[in-house]
C-alpha atoms as a PDB file:
ATOM      1  CA  MET A   1     -39.983 -25.812 -16.355  1.00  0.00           C
ATOM      2  CA  PHE A   2     -36.849 -23.768 -16.918  1.00  0.00           C
ATOM      3  CA  LEU A   3     -38.111 -20.419 -18.180  1.00  0.00           C
ATOM      4  CA  PRO A   4     -38.130 -17.618 -15.645  1.00  0.00           C
ATOM      5  CA  GLU A   5     -41.637 -16.725 -14.529  1.00  0.00           C
ATOM      6  CA  PHE A   6     -41.526 -13.281 -16.196  1.00  0.00           C
ATOM      7  CA  ASP A   7     -40.705 -14.888 -19.578  1.00  0.00           C
ATOM      8  CA  ARG A   8     -43.505 -17.424 -19.190  1.00  0.00           C
ATOM      9  CA  ASP A   9     -45.918 -14.645 -18.198  1.00  0.00           C
ATOM     10  CA  TYR A  10     -44.902 -12.574 -21.240  1.00  0.00           C
ATOM     11  CA  LEU A  11     -45.510 -15.458 -23.650  1.00  0.00           C
ATOM     12  CA  LEU A  12     -48.887 -16.199 -22.077  1.00  0.00           C
ATOM     13  CA  GLU A  13     -49.852 -12.510 -22.110  1.00  0.00           C
ATOM     14  CA  LYS A  14     -49.062 -12.318 -25.839  1.00  0.00           C
ATOM     15  CA  GLY A  15     -51.159 -15.426 -26.506  1.00  0.00           C
ATOM     16  CA  TYR A  16     -48.324 -17.696 -27.619  1.00  0.00           C
ATOM     17  CA  GLN A  17     -48.816 -21.450 -27.401  1.00  0.00           C
ATOM     18  CA  PHE A  18     -45.530 -22.865 -26.162  1.00  0.00           C
ATOM     19  CA  GLU A  19     -43.892 -25.890 -24.600  1.00  0.00           C
ATOM     20  CA  GLU A  20     -40.744 -26.177 -22.547  1.00  0.00           C
ATOM     21  CA  LYS A  21     -38.881 -29.381 -23.397  1.00  0.00           C
ATOM     22  CA  ILE A  22     -35.851 -30.991 -21.808  1.00  0.00           C
ATOM     23  CA  ASP A  23     -34.095 -33.684 -23.841  1.00  0.00           C
ATOM     24  CA  ALA A  24     -30.601 -35.073 -23.346  1.00  0.00           C
ATOM     25  CA  ASN A  25     -29.915 -32.373 -20.747  1.00  0.00           C
ATOM     26  CA  ARG A  26     -30.801 -29.599 -23.224  1.00  0.00           C
ATOM     27  CA  ASN A  27     -33.595 -27.104 -22.719  1.00  0.00           C
ATOM     28  CA  GLY A  28     -35.788 -26.233 -25.678  1.00  0.00           C
ATOM     29  CA  LEU A  29     -38.686 -23.863 -26.184  1.00  0.00           C
ATOM     30  CA  ILE A  30     -41.283 -24.678 -28.837  1.00  0.00           C
ATOM     31  CA  ILE A  31     -43.564 -21.805 -29.832  1.00  0.00           C
ATOM     32  CA  ARG A  32     -46.406 -23.233 -31.894  1.00  0.00           C
ATOM     33  CA  ASN A  33     -48.116 -20.080 -33.164  1.00  0.00           C
ATOM     34  CA  TRP A  34     -45.138 -17.864 -34.000  1.00  0.00           C
ATOM     35  CA  PHE A  35     -44.235 -17.378 -37.644  1.00  0.00           C
ATOM     36  CA  LEU A  36     -41.133 -15.907 -39.245  1.00  0.00           C
ATOM     37  CA  PRO A  37     -41.416 -13.272 -41.958  1.00  0.00           C
ATOM     38  CA  THR A  38     -41.201 -14.577 -45.532  1.00  0.00           C
ATOM     39  CA  GLY A  39     -37.625 -15.316 -46.562  1.00  0.00           C
ATOM     40  CA  LYS A  40     -36.291 -15.739 -43.020  1.00  0.00           C
ATOM     41  CA  SER A  41     -34.966 -19.029 -41.639  1.00  0.00           C
ATOM     42  CA  ALA A  42     -35.211 -20.209 -38.053  1.00  0.00           C
ATOM     43  CA  ILE A  43     -32.218 -20.364 -35.768  1.00  0.00           C
ATOM     44  CA  ILE A  44     -32.630 -22.419 -32.638  1.00  0.00           C
ATOM     45  CA  ARG A  45     -30.382 -21.483 -29.739  1.00  0.00           C
ATOM     46  CA  PHE A  46     -30.265 -23.835 -26.788  1.00  0.00           C
ATOM     47  CA  ILE A  47     -29.659 -22.585 -23.263  1.00  0.00           C
ATOM     48  CA  ASN A  48     -26.107 -23.969 -23.385  1.00  0.00           C
ATOM     49  CA  HIS A  49     -25.449 -21.695 -26.410  1.00  0.00           C
ATOM     50  CA  THR A  50     -25.355 -24.489 -28.977  1.00  0.00           C
ATOM     51  CA  THR A  51     -26.762 -23.115 -32.225  1.00  0.00           C
ATOM     52  CA  LYS A  52     -28.487 -25.027 -35.008  1.00  0.00           C
ATOM     53  CA  ARG A  53     -29.929 -23.663 -38.250  1.00  0.00           C
ATOM     54  CA  LEU A  54     -33.076 -25.240 -39.621  1.00  0.00           C
ATOM     55  CA  SER A  55     -33.492 -25.336 -43.384  1.00  0.00           C
END
């Protein structure tokens, strides 16, 4: 686990279902029950500040 405890506690308190993943030395956070407003696209930002846009 890489998230600070206060971040993990916040997500749990808000009822989010999430996973912390580490792959190829990159940290990723998957939030299963979080939805973007209509017309918005997701931007994923890794801990090392690499940015990817999902279409």
